[in-house]
PDB file of N, CA and C in Angstrom:
ATOM      1  N   UNK A   1      -6.618   3.078   1.705  1.00  0.00           N
ATOM      2  CA  UNK A   1      -5.575   2.794   2.869  1.00  0.00           C
ATOM      3  C   UNK A   1      -4.120   3.956   2.756  1.00  0.00           C
ATOM      4  N   UNK A   2      -3.756   4.391   3.464  1.00  0.00           N
ATOM      5  CA  UNK A   2      -2.336   4.891   3.381  1.00  0.00           C
ATOM      6  C   UNK A   2      -1.230   3.859   3.668  1.00  0.00           C
ATOM      7  N   UNK A   3      -0.468   4.633   2.669  1.00  0.00           N
ATOM      8  CA  UNK A   3       1.032   3.958   2.940  1.00  0.00           C
ATOM      9  C   UNK A   3       2.077   4.894   2.796  1.00  0.00           C
ATOM     10  N   UNK A   4       2.838   4.774   4.083  1.00  0.00           N
ATOM     11  CA  UNK A   4       3.814   5.529   4.115  1.00  0.00           C
ATOM     12  C   UNK A   4       5.015   4.948   3.355  1.00  0.00           C
ATOM     13  N   UNK A   5       6.064   5.511   2.667  1.00  0.00           N
ATOM     14  CA  UNK A   5       7.156   4.965   3.005  1.00  0.00           C
ATOM     15  C   UNK A   5       8.673   5.768   2.883  1.00  0.00           C
ATOM     16  N   UNK A   6       9.439   5.182   3.200  1.00  0.00           N
ATOM     17  CA  UNK A   6      11.031   5.785   3.388  1.00  0.00           C
ATOM     18  C   UNK A   6      11.673   6.065   2.054  1.00  0.00           C
ATOM     19  N   UNK A   7      11.998   5.845   0.937  1.00  0.00           N
ATOM     20  CA  UNK A   7      12.738   6.031  -0.084  1.00  0.00           C
ATOM     21  C   UNK A   7      11.879   6.247  -1.340  1.00  0.00           C
ATOM     22  N   UNK A   8      11.837   7.407  -2.187  1.00  0.00           N
ATOM     23  CA  UNK A   8      11.277   7.988  -3.022  1.00  0.00           C
ATOM     24  C   UNK A   8      11.121   6.746  -4.325  1.00  0.00           C
ATOM     25  N   UNK A   9      12.227   6.384  -4.201  1.00  0.00           N
ATOM     26  CA  UNK A   9      12.512   4.689  -5.836  1.00  0.00           C
ATOM     27  C   UNK A   9      11.444   3.241  -5.098  1.00  0.00           C
ATOM     28  N   UNK A  10      11.609   3.250  -3.993  1.00  0.00           N
ATOM     29  CA  UNK A  10      10.684   2.430  -3.339  1.00  0.00           C
ATOM     30  C   UNK A  10       8.980   2.810  -3.427  1.00  0.00           C
ATOM     31  N   UNK A  11       9.409   4.376  -3.071  1.00  0.00           N
ATOM     32  CA  UNK A  11       7.867   4.579  -3.318  1.00  0.00           C
ATOM     33  C   UNK A  11       7.133   4.788  -4.981  1.00  0.00           C
ATOM     34  N   UNK A  12       7.586   4.829  -5.815  1.00  0.00           N
ATOM     35  CA  UNK A  12       7.594   4.818  -7.234  1.00  0.00           C
ATOM     36  C   UNK A  12       7.298   3.516  -7.882  1.00  0.00           C
ATOM     37  N   UNK A  13       8.448   2.598  -6.979  1.00  0.00           N
ATOM     38  CA  UNK A  13       7.977   0.976  -7.463  1.00  0.00           C
ATOM     39  C   UNK A  13       6.834   0.445  -6.841  1.00  0.00           C
ATOM     40  N   UNK A  14       6.369   0.994  -5.484  1.00  0.00           N
ATOM     41  CA  UNK A  14       5.110   0.638  -5.232  1.00  0.00           C
ATOM     42  C   UNK A  14       4.308   1.198  -5.971  1.00  0.00           C
ATOM     43  N   UNK A  15       3.803   2.017  -6.088  1.00  0.00           N
ATOM     44  CA  UNK A  15       2.776   2.770  -6.735  1.00  0.00           C
ATOM     45  C   UNK A  15       2.467   1.720  -7.379  1.00  0.00           C
ATOM     46  N   UNK A  16       3.506   1.676  -9.089  1.00  0.00           N
ATOM     47  CA  UNK A  16       3.661   0.897  -9.837  1.00  0.00           C
ATOM     48  C   UNK A  16       3.368  -0.465 -10.126  1.00  0.00           C
ATOM     49  N   UNK A  17       3.833  -1.010  -8.919  1.00  0.00           N
ATOM     50  CA  UNK A  17       2.971  -2.968  -9.163  1.00  0.00           C
ATOM     51  C   UNK A  17       1.691  -2.911  -8.284  1.00  0.00           C
ATOM     52  N   UNK A  18       1.355  -1.567  -7.894  1.00  0.00           N
ATOM     53  CA  UNK A  18       0.013  -1.859  -6.998  1.00  0.00           C
ATOM     54  C   UNK A  18      -1.220  -1.398  -8.234  1.00  0.00           C
ATOM     55  N   UNK A  19      -0.499  -0.445  -9.073  1.00  0.00           N
ATOM     56  CA  UNK A  19      -1.405   0.016 -10.086  1.00  0.00           C
ATOM     57  C   UNK A  19      -2.070  -1.727 -11.037  1.00  0.00           C
ATOM     58  N   UNK A  20      -0.457  -1.774 -11.392  1.00  0.00           N
ATOM     59  CA  UNK A  20      -0.492  -3.440 -12.226  1.00  0.00           C
ATOM     60  C   UNK A  20      -1.853  -4.430 -11.446  1.00  0.00           C
ATOM     61  N   UNK A  21      -1.357  -4.423 -10.542  1.00  0.00           N
ATOM     62  CA  UNK A  21      -2.559  -4.857  -9.369  1.00  0.00           C
ATOM     63  C   UNK A  21      -4.044  -4.686  -9.350  1.00  0.00           C
ATOM     64  N   UNK A  22      -4.557  -4.171 -10.560  1.00  0.00           N
ATOM     65  CA  UNK A  22      -5.553  -3.563 -10.032  1.00  0.00           C
ATOM     66  C   UNK A  22      -6.020  -2.635  -9.234  1.00  0.00           C
ATOM     67  N   UNK A  23      -4.979  -1.523  -8.817  1.00  0.00           N
ATOM     68  CA  UNK A  23      -5.419  -1.348  -7.610  1.00  0.00           C
ATOM     69  C   UNK A  23      -5.395   0.345  -8.080  1.00  0.00           C
ATOM     70  N   UNK A  24      -6.174   1.146  -7.553  1.00  0.00           N
ATOM     71  CA  UNK A  24      -5.694   2.852  -7.824  1.00  0.00           C
ATOM     72  C   UNK A  24      -4.825   3.504  -6.923  1.00  0.00           C
ATOM     73  N   UNK A  25      -3.965   4.230  -7.038  1.00  0.00           N
ATOM     74  CA  UNK A  25      -3.371   4.834  -6.737  1.00  0.00           C
ATOM     75  C   UNK A  25      -2.896   6.170  -6.548  1.00  0.00           C
ATOM     76  N   UNK A  26      -3.055   6.548  -5.693  1.00  0.00           N
ATOM     77  CA  UNK A  26      -3.062   8.400  -5.583  1.00  0.00           C
ATOM     78  C   UNK A  26      -2.045   9.247  -4.566  1.00  0.00           C
ATOM     79  N   UNK A  27      -0.871   9.735  -5.408  1.00  0.00           N
ATOM     80  CA  UNK A  27      -0.163  10.484  -4.486  1.00  0.00           C
ATOM     81  C   UNK A  27      -0.458  10.996  -3.039  1.00  0.00           C
ATOM     82  N   UNK A  28      -0.375  11.556  -2.086  1.00  0.00           N
ATOM     83  CA  UNK A  28      -0.688  12.134  -1.290  1.00  0.00           C
ATOM     84  C   UNK A  28      -0.325  12.386  -0.755  1.00  0.00           C
ATOM     85  N   UNK A  29       0.367  12.971  -0.470  1.00  0.00           N
ATOM     86  CA  UNK A  29       1.973  13.343  -0.246  1.00  0.00           C
ATOM     87  C   UNK A  29       3.494  12.994  -0.588  1.00  0.00           C
ATOM     88  N   UNK A  30       4.706  13.900  -0.163  1.00  0.00           N
ATOM     89  CA  UNK A  30       6.122  13.037  -0.879  1.00  0.00           C
ATOM     90  C   UNK A  30       6.060  11.974  -0.621  1.00  0.00           C
ATOM     91  N   UNK A  31       6.192  11.460   0.446  1.00  0.00           N
ATOM     92  CA  UNK A  31       6.109   9.763   0.540  1.00  0.00           C
ATOM     93  C   UNK A  31       4.744   8.982   1.204  1.00  0.00           C
ATOM     94  N   UNK A  32       3.701   9.428   0.800  1.00  0.00           N
ATOM     95  CA  UNK A  32       2.545   8.770   1.189  1.00  0.00           C
ATOM     96  C   UNK A  32       1.803   8.595   0.297  1.00  0.00           C
ATOM     97  N   UNK A  33       1.235   7.783  -0.077  1.00  0.00           N
ATOM     98  CA  UNK A  33       0.305   6.609  -1.090  1.00  0.00           C
ATOM     99  C   UNK A  33      -1.116   6.438  -0.595  1.00  0.00           C
ATOM    100  N   UNK A  34      -1.898   7.069  -1.260  1.00  0.00           N
ATOM    101  CA  UNK A  34      -4.112   6.348  -1.339  1.00  0.00           C
ATOM    102  C   UNK A  34      -4.194   5.399  -1.925  1.00  0.00           C
ATOM    103  N   UNK A  35      -4.122   4.383  -1.234  1.00  0.00           N
ATOM    104  CA  UNK A  35      -4.168   3.098  -2.600  1.00  0.00           C
ATOM    105  C   UNK A  35      -5.957   1.938  -2.291  1.00  0.00           C
ATOM    106  N   UNK A  36      -6.914   2.121  -3.098  1.00  0.00           N
ATOM    107  CA  UNK A  36      -7.989   1.097  -2.922  1.00  0.00           C
ATOM    108  C   UNK A  36      -8.177   0.806  -4.165  1.00  0.00           C
ATOM    109  N   UNK A  37      -8.462  -0.891  -3.982  1.00  0.00           N
ATOM    110  CA  UNK A  37      -8.737  -1.493  -5.385  1.00  0.00           C
ATOM    111  C   UNK A  37      -9.833  -0.746  -6.350  1.00  0.00           C
ATOM    112  N   UNK A  38      -9.499  -1.545  -7.541  1.00  0.00           N
ATOM    113  CA  UNK A  38     -10.443  -0.628  -8.682  1.00  0.00           C
ATOM    114  C   UNK A  38     -11.930  -1.785  -7.818  1.00  0.00           C
ATOM    115  N   UNK A  39     -12.076  -2.806  -7.821  1.00  0.00           N
ATOM    116  CA  UNK A  39     -13.308  -3.474  -7.881  1.00  0.00           C
ATOM    117  C   UNK A  39     -13.764  -3.069  -6.718  1.00  0.00           C
ATOM    118  N   UNK A  40     -15.011  -3.490  -6.488  1.00  0.00           N
ATOM    119  CA  UNK A  40     -16.053  -3.057  -5.469  1.00  0.00           C
ATOM    120  C   UNK A  40     -15.799  -3.418  -4.396  1.00  0.00           C
ATOM    121  N   UNK A  41     -15.043  -3.675  -3.412  1.00  0.00           N
ATOM    122  CA  UNK A  41     -15.417  -4.424  -2.546  1.00  0.00           C
ATOM    123  C   UNK A  41     -15.562  -4.328  -0.789  1.00  0.00           C
ATOM    124  N   UNK A  42     -16.177  -5.124   0.133  1.00  0.00           N
ATOM    125  CA  UNK A  42     -16.473  -4.359   1.504  1.00  0.00           C
ATOM    126  C   UNK A  42     -15.220  -3.865   1.952  1.00  0.00           C
ATOM    127  N   UNK A  43     -14.859  -2.703   2.900  1.00  0.00           N
ATOM    128  CA  UNK A  43     -13.694  -1.811   3.290  1.00  0.00           C
ATOM    129  C   UNK A  43     -12.593  -3.397   3.890  1.00  0.00           C
ATOM    130  N   UNK A  44     -13.006  -4.699   4.713  1.00  0.00           N
ATOM    131  CA  UNK A  44     -12.579  -5.293   5.553  1.00  0.00           C
ATOM    132  C   UNK A  44     -11.560  -6.632   4.394  1.00  0.00           C
ATOM    133  N   UNK A  45     -12.418  -6.516   3.079  1.00  0.00           N
ATOM    134  CA  UNK A  45     -12.400  -6.948   2.089  1.00  0.00           C
ATOM    135  C   UNK A  45     -11.138  -6.410   1.316  1.00  0.00           C
ATOM    136  N   UNK A  46     -11.159  -5.224   0.734  1.00  0.00           N
ATOM    137  CA  UNK A  46     -10.476  -4.597   0.259  1.00  0.00           C
ATOM    138  C   UNK A  46      -8.787  -4.356   1.311  1.00  0.00           C
ATOM    139  N   UNK A  47      -9.406  -4.116   2.536  1.00  0.00           N
ATOM    140  CA  UNK A  47      -7.687  -4.251   3.211  1.00  0.00           C
ATOM    141  C   UNK A  47      -7.041  -5.041   3.249  1.00  0.00           C
ATOM    142  N   UNK A  48      -8.226  -6.353   3.219  1.00  0.00           N
ATOM    143  CA  UNK A  48      -7.124  -7.426   3.154  1.00  0.00           C
ATOM    144  C   UNK A  48      -6.515  -7.682   1.866  1.00  0.00           C
ATOM    145  N   UNK A  49      -7.037  -7.202   0.775  1.00  0.00           N
ATOM    146  CA  UNK A  49      -6.230  -7.912  -0.556  1.00  0.00           C
ATOM    147  C   UNK A  49      -5.113  -6.460  -0.906  1.00  0.00           C
ATOM    148  N   UNK A  50      -5.069  -5.488   0.145  1.00  0.00           N
ATOM    149  CA  UNK A  50      -4.010  -4.892  -0.405  1.00  0.00           C
ATOM    150  C   UNK A  50      -2.555  -4.946   0.563  1.00  0.00           C
ATOM    151  N   UNK A  51      -3.477  -5.403   2.009  1.00  0.00           N
ATOM    152  CA  UNK A  51      -2.321  -6.319   2.561  1.00  0.00           C
ATOM    153  C   UNK A  51      -1.591  -7.467   2.074  1.00  0.00           C
ATOM    154  N   UNK A  52      -2.505  -7.973   1.010  1.00  0.00           N
ATOM    155  CA  UNK A  52      -2.172  -9.173   0.866  1.00  0.00           C
ATOM    156  C   UNK A  52      -0.727  -8.768  -0.167  1.00  0.00           C
ATOM    157  N   UNK A  53      -1.319  -8.369  -1.266  1.00  0.00           N
ATOM    158  CA  UNK A  53      -0.227  -7.320  -2.419  1.00  0.00           C
ATOM    159  C   UNK A  53       1.235  -6.855  -1.793  1.00  0.00           C
ATOM    160  N   UNK A  54       0.951  -6.341  -0.396  1.00  0.00           N
ATOM    161  CA  UNK A  54       1.842  -5.261   0.329  1.00  0.00           C
ATOM    162  C   UNK A  54       2.841  -6.569   0.971  1.00  0.00           C
ATOM    163  N   UNK A  55       2.252  -7.553   1.030  1.00  0.00           N
ATOM    164  CA  UNK A  55       3.156  -9.170   1.915  1.00  0.00           C
ATOM    165  C   UNK A  55       3.709  -9.265   0.796  1.00  0.00           C
ATOM    166  N   UNK A  56       3.343  -9.344  -0.285  1.00  0.00           N
ATOM    167  CA  UNK A  56       4.391  -9.932  -1.850  1.00  0.00           C
ATOM    168  C   UNK A  56       5.214  -8.834  -2.034  1.00  0.00           C
ATOM    169  N   UNK A  57       4.925  -8.138  -2.216  1.00  0.00           N
ATOM    170  CA  UNK A  57       5.933  -6.878  -2.334  1.00  0.00           C
ATOM    171  C   UNK A  57       6.955  -7.147  -1.612  1.00  0.00           C
ATOM    172  N   UNK A  58       6.706  -6.614  -0.363  1.00  0.00           N
ATOM    173  CA  UNK A  58       7.859  -6.074   0.448  1.00  0.00           C
ATOM    174  C   UNK A  58       8.882  -7.352   0.583  1.00  0.00           C
ATOM    175  N   UNK A  59       8.607  -9.005   0.067  1.00  0.00           N
ATOM    176  CA  UNK A  59       9.200 -10.140  -0.064  1.00  0.00           C
ATOM    177  C   UNK A  59      10.583  -9.687  -0.733  1.00  0.00           C
ATOM    178  N   UNK A  60       9.897  -9.251  -2.354  1.00  0.00           N
ATOM    179  CA  UNK A  60      10.496  -8.772  -3.355  1.00  0.00           C
ATOM    180  C   UNK A  60      11.381  -7.567  -2.952  1.00  0.00           C
ATOM    181  N   UNK A  61      10.944  -6.297  -2.076  1.00  0.00           N
ATOM    182  CA  UNK A  61      12.179  -5.868  -1.219  1.00  0.00           C
ATOM    183  C   UNK A  61      12.152  -5.568   0.013  1.00  0.00           C
ATOM    184  N   UNK A  62      13.087  -6.393   0.534  1.00  0.00           N
ATOM    185  CA  UNK A  62      13.773  -6.423   1.237  1.00  0.00           C
ATOM    186  C   UNK A  62      14.450  -5.302   2.111  1.00  0.00           C
ATOM    187  N   UNK A  63      14.315  -4.574   1.228  1.00  0.00           N
ATOM    188  CA  UNK A  63      15.173  -3.484   2.180  1.00  0.00           C
ATOM    189  C   UNK A  63      13.954  -2.219   2.753  1.00  0.00           C
ATOM    190  N   UNK A  64      13.395  -2.218   1.600  1.00  0.00           N
ATOM    191  CA  UNK A  64      12.166  -0.914   1.962  1.00  0.00           C
ATOM    192  C   UNK A  64      11.525  -0.905   3.075  1.00  0.00           C
ATOM    193  N   UNK A  65      11.032  -0.374   3.948  1.00  0.00           N
ATOM    194  CA  UNK A  65      10.046   0.310   4.914  1.00  0.00           C
ATOM    195  C   UNK A  65       8.742   0.539   4.679  1.00  0.00           C
ATOM    196  N   UNK A  66       7.880   0.408   4.935  1.00  0.00           N
ATOM    197  CA  UNK A  66       5.965   1.126   4.624  1.00  0.00           C
ATOM    198  C   UNK A  66       5.542   0.585   6.348  1.00  0.00           C
ATOM    199  N   UNK A  67       4.915   2.035   5.925  1.00  0.00           N
ATOM    200  CA  UNK A  67       3.664   1.874   7.406  1.00  0.00           C
ATOM    201  C   UNK A  67       2.723   1.888   6.507  1.00  0.00           C
ATOM    202  N   UNK A  68       1.694   1.353   6.888  1.00  0.00           N
ATOM    203  CA  UNK A  68       0.456   1.492   6.545  1.00  0.00           C
ATOM    204  C   UNK A  68      -0.333   1.770   7.548  1.00  0.00           C
ATOM    205  N   UNK A  69      -1.968   2.555   6.714  1.00  0.00           N
ATOM    206  CA  UNK A  69      -3.040   3.014   8.078  1.00  0.00           C
ATOM    207  C   UNK A  69      -3.956   3.337   7.819  1.00  0.00           C
ATOM    208  N   UNK A  70      -5.113   2.589   8.092  1.00  0.00           N
ATOM    209  CA  UNK A  70      -6.759   2.431   7.281  1.00  0.00           C
ATOM    210  C   UNK A  70      -6.749   4.158   7.081  1.00  0.00           C
ATOM    211  N   UNK A  71      -7.616   4.911   6.499  1.00  0.00           N
ATOM    212  CA  UNK A  71      -8.519   6.084   6.103  1.00  0.00           C
ATOM    213  C   UNK A  71      -9.381   6.144   7.227  1.00  0.00           C
ATOM    214  N   UNK A  72      -9.636   5.427   7.055  1.00  0.00           N
ATOM    215  CA  UNK A  72     -11.568   5.678   8.228  1.00  0.00           C
ATOM    216  C   UNK A  72     -11.284   4.636   9.207  1.00  0.00           C
ATOM    217  N   UNK A  73     -10.286   4.196   9.310  1.00  0.00           N
ATOM    218  CA  UNK A  73     -10.474   3.057  11.161  1.00  0.00           C
ATOM    219  C   UNK A  73      -9.431   3.699  11.439  1.00  0.00           C
ATOM    220  N   UNK A  74      -8.915   2.762  12.391  1.00  0.00           N
ATOM    221  CA  UNK A  74      -8.291   2.931  14.033  1.00  0.00           C
ATOM    222  C   UNK A  74      -7.184   2.108  13.567  1.00  0.00           C
ATOM    223  N   UNK A  75      -7.362   1.258  12.132  1.00  0.00           N
ATOM    224  CA  UNK A  75      -6.461  -0.369  12.651  1.00  0.00           C
ATOM    225  C   UNK A  75      -4.474   0.939  12.000  1.00  0.00           C
ATOM    226  N   UNK A  76      -3.933   0.067  12.446  1.00  0.00           N
ATOM    227  CA  UNK A  76      -2.472   0.681  11.735  1.00  0.00           C
ATOM    228  C   UNK A  76      -1.636  -0.243  11.744  1.00  0.00           C
ATOM    229  N   UNK A  77      -1.021  -1.196  10.471  1.00  0.00           N
ATOM    230  CA  UNK A  77       0.118  -1.769  10.573  1.00  0.00           C
ATOM    231  C   UNK A  77       1.107  -1.393  10.069  1.00  0.00           C
ATOM    232  N   UNK A  78       2.979  -2.105  10.728  1.00  0.00           N
ATOM    233  CA  UNK A  78       4.029  -1.702  10.339  1.00  0.00           C
ATOM    234  C   UNK A  78       4.360  -2.733   9.483  1.00  0.00           C
ATOM    235  N   UNK A  79       4.895  -2.344   8.139  1.00  0.00           N
ATOM    236  CA  UNK A  79       5.058  -3.500   7.497  1.00  0.00           C
ATOM    237  C   UNK A  79       6.434  -3.525   7.166  1.00  0.00           C
ATOM    238  N   UNK A  80       6.996  -4.854   7.108  1.00  0.00           N
ATOM    239  CA  UNK A  80       8.295  -4.610   6.941  1.00  0.00           C
ATOM    240  C   UNK A  80       8.806  -6.003   6.311  1.00  0.00           C
ATOM    241  N   UNK A  81       9.891  -5.370   5.166  1.00  0.00           N
ATOM    242  CA  UNK A  81      10.455  -6.921   4.656  1.00  0.00           C
ATOM    243  C   UNK A  81      11.599  -7.550   5.359  1.00  0.00           C
TER     244      UNK A  81
END
């Protein structure tokens, strides 16, 4: 999944949180992360796991604005805290 964020500090914090939560995180652009669970999961299960983690992170960071998109699919969801 790709996550776009509006603030560099929020992006750094989000990347650290996802890494601590057993996800691999790659910075693909200045304000874009590509995130995948480290455990092998079916695509839908991986999507649900990342969305669950993002809901928690957004509750902890109500000021942050992120947009989530599936790399291989056509789904896109905007999450706001």
